[in-house]
């Protein structure tokens, strides 16, 4: 993984439901790529009965001037994750 890759975990009720990666696009200057790897949710948010299965990643490109918070919001929408019900935590190496 590239040194400038920023990694996040998406947590719901203490359980990881997705991983997010944001990194510079080596082929396009001024652009970053954001990817979210959702973990399929079987069960209900409210019942705390989620079963997690890895799904296909969702990715998009963004200007490198865009803040991570905006990119994360966009990626959550693409992955159909309800941002008001999760906590996004930046991971460190």
N, C-alpha and C. Protein backbone atom coordinates (compact mmCIF):
# COMPACT_ATOMS: atom_id res chain seq x y z
N UNK A 1 0.84 -1.16 0.00
CA UNK A 1 0.00 0.00 0.00
C UNK A 1 0.89 1.24 0.00
N UNK A 2 0.51 2.24 -0.78
CA UNK A 2 1.31 3.46 -0.89
C UNK A 2 1.39 4.18 0.45
N UNK A 3 2.52 4.84 0.65
CA UNK A 3 2.73 5.54 1.91
C UNK A 3 1.72 6.66 2.13
N UNK A 4 1.25 7.27 1.06
CA UNK A 4 0.32 8.39 1.21
C UNK A 4 -1.15 7.95 1.22
N UNK A 5 -1.38 6.68 1.32
CA UNK A 5 -2.76 6.18 1.39
C UNK A 5 -3.30 6.41 2.79
N UNK A 6 -4.48 7.02 2.84
CA UNK A 6 -5.16 7.25 4.11
C UNK A 6 -6.22 6.16 4.25
N UNK A 7 -6.22 5.50 5.39
CA UNK A 7 -7.13 4.37 5.60
C UNK A 7 -8.10 4.70 6.73
N UNK A 8 -9.34 4.27 6.55
CA UNK A 8 -10.38 4.49 7.55
C UNK A 8 -11.15 3.19 7.75
N UNK A 9 -11.75 3.06 8.91
CA UNK A 9 -12.69 1.98 9.16
C UNK A 9 -14.04 2.62 9.47
N UNK A 10 -15.08 1.96 9.06
CA UNK A 10 -16.43 2.43 9.33
C UNK A 10 -17.04 1.47 10.35
N UNK A 11 -17.49 2.02 11.47
CA UNK A 11 -17.94 1.20 12.59
C UNK A 11 -19.40 1.50 12.90
N UNK A 12 -20.16 0.44 13.12
CA UNK A 12 -21.55 0.55 13.57
C UNK A 12 -21.71 -0.31 14.81
N UNK A 13 -22.07 0.32 15.90
CA UNK A 13 -22.27 -0.38 17.18
C UNK A 13 -21.09 -1.29 17.53
N UNK A 14 -19.90 -0.76 17.35
CA UNK A 14 -18.70 -1.50 17.71
C UNK A 14 -18.24 -2.52 16.70
N UNK A 15 -18.93 -2.63 15.58
CA UNK A 15 -18.56 -3.60 14.54
C UNK A 15 -18.10 -2.89 13.28
N UNK A 16 -17.04 -3.40 12.70
CA UNK A 16 -16.53 -2.83 11.45
C UNK A 16 -17.45 -3.25 10.31
N UNK A 17 -17.94 -2.25 9.55
CA UNK A 17 -18.83 -2.59 8.43
C UNK A 17 -18.25 -2.20 7.07
N UNK A 18 -17.09 -1.51 7.07
CA UNK A 18 -16.46 -1.15 5.80
C UNK A 18 -15.03 -0.67 6.05
N UNK A 19 -14.24 -0.74 5.00
CA UNK A 19 -12.90 -0.16 4.98
C UNK A 19 -12.88 0.89 3.89
N UNK A 20 -12.15 1.98 4.11
CA UNK A 20 -12.06 3.06 3.13
C UNK A 20 -10.58 3.38 2.90
N UNK A 21 -10.24 3.60 1.64
CA UNK A 21 -8.88 3.97 1.25
C UNK A 21 -8.96 5.21 0.37
N UNK A 22 -8.11 6.19 0.66
CA UNK A 22 -7.99 7.40 -0.16
C UNK A 22 -6.51 7.58 -0.48
N UNK A 23 -6.18 7.65 -1.77
CA UNK A 23 -4.77 7.80 -2.15
C UNK A 23 -4.65 8.57 -3.46
N UNK A 24 -3.47 9.15 -3.66
CA UNK A 24 -3.18 9.89 -4.88
C UNK A 24 -3.26 8.96 -6.08
N UNK A 25 -3.78 9.50 -7.18
CA UNK A 25 -3.84 8.75 -8.43
C UNK A 25 -2.51 8.96 -9.16
N UNK A 26 -1.69 7.91 -9.30
CA UNK A 26 -0.38 8.09 -9.92
C UNK A 26 -0.45 8.43 -11.40
N UNK A 27 -1.56 8.18 -12.05
CA UNK A 27 -1.66 8.43 -13.49
C UNK A 27 -2.32 9.77 -13.81
N UNK A 28 -2.90 10.43 -12.81
CA UNK A 28 -3.58 11.71 -13.06
C UNK A 28 -3.22 12.70 -11.95
N UNK A 29 -2.39 13.65 -12.28
CA UNK A 29 -1.99 14.66 -11.31
C UNK A 29 -3.21 15.45 -10.82
N UNK A 30 -3.20 15.80 -9.55
CA UNK A 30 -4.28 16.60 -8.98
C UNK A 30 -5.52 15.80 -8.65
N UNK A 31 -5.41 14.47 -8.65
CA UNK A 31 -6.57 13.61 -8.42
C UNK A 31 -6.25 12.57 -7.35
N UNK A 32 -7.24 12.28 -6.53
CA UNK A 32 -7.13 11.17 -5.59
C UNK A 32 -8.24 10.17 -5.89
N UNK A 33 -7.97 8.93 -5.58
CA UNK A 33 -8.97 7.87 -5.71
C UNK A 33 -9.45 7.50 -4.33
N UNK A 34 -10.75 7.34 -4.20
CA UNK A 34 -11.33 6.88 -2.96
C UNK A 34 -12.04 5.57 -3.21
N UNK A 35 -11.84 4.62 -2.32
CA UNK A 35 -12.50 3.32 -2.44
C UNK A 35 -13.07 2.92 -1.09
N UNK A 36 -14.26 2.36 -1.12
CA UNK A 36 -14.86 1.81 0.09
C UNK A 36 -15.16 0.34 -0.19
N UNK A 37 -14.77 -0.49 0.76
CA UNK A 37 -15.05 -1.92 0.67
C UNK A 37 -16.11 -2.22 1.72
N UNK A 38 -17.37 -2.23 1.30
CA UNK A 38 -18.43 -2.49 2.27
C UNK A 38 -18.46 -3.96 2.66
N UNK A 39 -18.86 -4.18 3.87
CA UNK A 39 -19.09 -5.53 4.36
C UNK A 39 -20.61 -5.67 4.42
N UNK A 40 -21.14 -6.57 3.59
CA UNK A 40 -22.59 -6.74 3.44
C UNK A 40 -23.26 -6.86 4.80
N UNK A 41 -24.36 -6.17 4.93
CA UNK A 41 -25.11 -6.16 6.18
C UNK A 41 -26.36 -7.03 6.04
N UNK A 42 -26.39 -8.12 6.74
CA UNK A 42 -27.60 -8.95 6.84
C UNK A 42 -28.13 -8.77 8.24
N UNK A 43 -29.38 -8.44 8.34
CA UNK A 43 -29.97 -8.16 9.64
C UNK A 43 -30.41 -6.71 9.69
N UNK A 44 -30.68 -6.24 10.86
CA UNK A 44 -31.21 -4.90 11.05
C UNK A 44 -30.27 -4.04 11.87
N UNK A 45 -30.18 -2.76 11.48
CA UNK A 45 -29.39 -1.81 12.26
C UNK A 45 -29.89 -1.78 13.71
N UNK A 46 -31.19 -1.63 13.85
CA UNK A 46 -31.78 -1.42 15.17
C UNK A 46 -31.70 -2.65 16.07
N UNK A 47 -31.72 -3.83 15.49
CA UNK A 47 -31.73 -5.06 16.28
C UNK A 47 -30.33 -5.52 16.65
N UNK A 48 -29.31 -4.82 16.15
CA UNK A 48 -27.93 -5.20 16.41
C UNK A 48 -27.68 -6.65 15.99
N UNK A 49 -28.27 -7.03 14.83
CA UNK A 49 -28.15 -8.40 14.35
C UNK A 49 -27.48 -8.47 12.99
N UNK A 50 -26.50 -7.60 12.76
CA UNK A 50 -25.86 -7.57 11.45
C UNK A 50 -24.88 -8.71 11.27
N UNK A 51 -24.95 -9.36 10.11
CA UNK A 51 -23.96 -10.35 9.69
C UNK A 51 -23.18 -9.68 8.57
N UNK A 52 -21.87 -9.77 8.58
CA UNK A 52 -21.04 -9.04 7.63
C UNK A 52 -20.36 -9.96 6.63
N UNK A 53 -20.46 -9.61 5.34
CA UNK A 53 -19.84 -10.36 4.26
C UNK A 53 -19.18 -9.33 3.33
N UNK A 54 -17.96 -9.57 2.89
CA UNK A 54 -17.25 -8.62 2.03
C UNK A 54 -17.96 -8.50 0.69
N UNK A 55 -18.22 -7.25 0.26
CA UNK A 55 -18.82 -6.96 -1.03
C UNK A 55 -17.76 -6.40 -1.97
N UNK A 56 -18.13 -6.19 -3.20
CA UNK A 56 -17.22 -5.58 -4.18
C UNK A 56 -16.96 -4.12 -3.80
N UNK A 57 -15.73 -3.66 -3.97
CA UNK A 57 -15.43 -2.26 -3.64
C UNK A 57 -16.16 -1.28 -4.55
N UNK A 58 -16.37 -0.09 -4.01
CA UNK A 58 -16.94 1.01 -4.76
C UNK A 58 -15.88 2.10 -4.78
N UNK A 59 -15.59 2.65 -5.96
CA UNK A 59 -14.52 3.64 -6.07
C UNK A 59 -14.97 4.84 -6.89
N UNK A 60 -14.29 5.96 -6.66
CA UNK A 60 -14.51 7.16 -7.45
C UNK A 60 -13.26 8.03 -7.37
N UNK A 61 -13.15 8.99 -8.28
CA UNK A 61 -12.03 9.92 -8.30
C UNK A 61 -12.49 11.29 -7.84
N UNK A 62 -11.58 12.02 -7.18
CA UNK A 62 -11.89 13.33 -6.61
C UNK A 62 -10.70 14.26 -6.82
N UNK A 63 -10.95 15.57 -6.87
CA UNK A 63 -9.82 16.51 -6.92
C UNK A 63 -9.02 16.40 -5.62
N UNK A 64 -7.70 16.53 -5.72
CA UNK A 64 -6.90 16.39 -4.50
C UNK A 64 -7.06 17.55 -3.54
N UNK A 65 -7.81 18.57 -3.95
CA UNK A 65 -8.11 19.70 -3.06
C UNK A 65 -9.33 19.43 -2.19
N UNK A 66 -10.07 18.37 -2.50
CA UNK A 66 -11.27 18.03 -1.73
C UNK A 66 -10.86 17.40 -0.40
N UNK A 67 -11.52 17.83 0.66
CA UNK A 67 -11.23 17.33 2.01
C UNK A 67 -11.67 15.88 2.14
N UNK A 68 -10.94 15.12 2.97
CA UNK A 68 -11.29 13.71 3.20
C UNK A 68 -12.73 13.56 3.68
N UNK A 69 -13.20 14.48 4.51
CA UNK A 69 -14.56 14.38 5.04
C UNK A 69 -15.59 14.39 3.91
N UNK A 70 -15.37 15.22 2.90
CA UNK A 70 -16.28 15.27 1.75
C UNK A 70 -16.19 13.99 0.92
N UNK A 71 -14.98 13.49 0.75
CA UNK A 71 -14.79 12.24 0.01
C UNK A 71 -15.46 11.09 0.74
N UNK A 72 -15.27 11.04 2.05
CA UNK A 72 -15.89 9.98 2.85
C UNK A 72 -17.41 10.04 2.75
N UNK A 73 -17.98 11.23 2.80
CA UNK A 73 -19.43 11.39 2.68
C UNK A 73 -19.92 10.86 1.34
N UNK A 74 -19.20 11.20 0.28
CA UNK A 74 -19.56 10.74 -1.06
C UNK A 74 -19.47 9.21 -1.15
N UNK A 75 -18.38 8.65 -0.63
CA UNK A 75 -18.21 7.20 -0.69
C UNK A 75 -19.26 6.47 0.13
N UNK A 76 -19.64 7.02 1.28
CA UNK A 76 -20.69 6.38 2.09
C UNK A 76 -22.00 6.33 1.31
N UNK A 77 -22.29 7.41 0.60
CA UNK A 77 -23.50 7.45 -0.22
C UNK A 77 -23.44 6.40 -1.33
N UNK A 78 -22.30 6.30 -2.01
CA UNK A 78 -22.15 5.31 -3.08
C UNK A 78 -22.31 3.88 -2.56
N UNK A 79 -21.86 3.65 -1.32
CA UNK A 79 -21.92 2.31 -0.73
C UNK A 79 -23.22 2.06 0.02
N UNK A 80 -24.12 3.04 0.01
CA UNK A 80 -25.41 2.94 0.70
C UNK A 80 -25.24 2.70 2.20
N UNK A 81 -24.28 3.38 2.79
CA UNK A 81 -24.06 3.32 4.23
C UNK A 81 -24.62 4.60 4.81
N UNK A 82 -25.45 4.48 5.83
CA UNK A 82 -26.09 5.64 6.43
C UNK A 82 -25.11 6.35 7.38
N UNK A 83 -24.58 7.51 6.97
CA UNK A 83 -23.50 8.14 7.74
C UNK A 83 -23.90 8.54 9.16
N UNK A 84 -25.16 8.84 9.38
CA UNK A 84 -25.59 9.25 10.72
C UNK A 84 -25.64 8.07 11.70
N UNK A 85 -25.50 6.86 11.19
CA UNK A 85 -25.56 5.67 12.05
C UNK A 85 -24.21 5.01 12.26
N UNK A 86 -23.15 5.62 11.72
CA UNK A 86 -21.82 5.01 11.83
C UNK A 86 -20.80 6.00 12.39
N UNK A 87 -19.67 5.46 12.75
CA UNK A 87 -18.52 6.27 13.16
C UNK A 87 -17.38 5.90 12.22
N UNK A 88 -16.72 6.92 11.67
CA UNK A 88 -15.60 6.70 10.75
C UNK A 88 -14.32 7.06 11.49
N UNK A 89 -13.41 6.11 11.53
CA UNK A 89 -12.18 6.26 12.30
C UNK A 89 -10.99 6.12 11.37
N UNK A 90 -10.09 7.10 11.42
CA UNK A 90 -8.86 7.00 10.62
C UNK A 90 -7.92 6.00 11.26
N UNK A 91 -7.36 5.13 10.44
CA UNK A 91 -6.41 4.12 10.91
C UNK A 91 -5.00 4.65 10.71
N UNK A 92 -4.12 4.31 11.60
CA UNK A 92 -2.72 4.69 11.48
C UNK A 92 -1.87 3.46 11.31
N UNK A 93 -0.72 3.64 10.70
CA UNK A 93 0.19 2.50 10.49
C UNK A 93 0.95 2.18 11.75
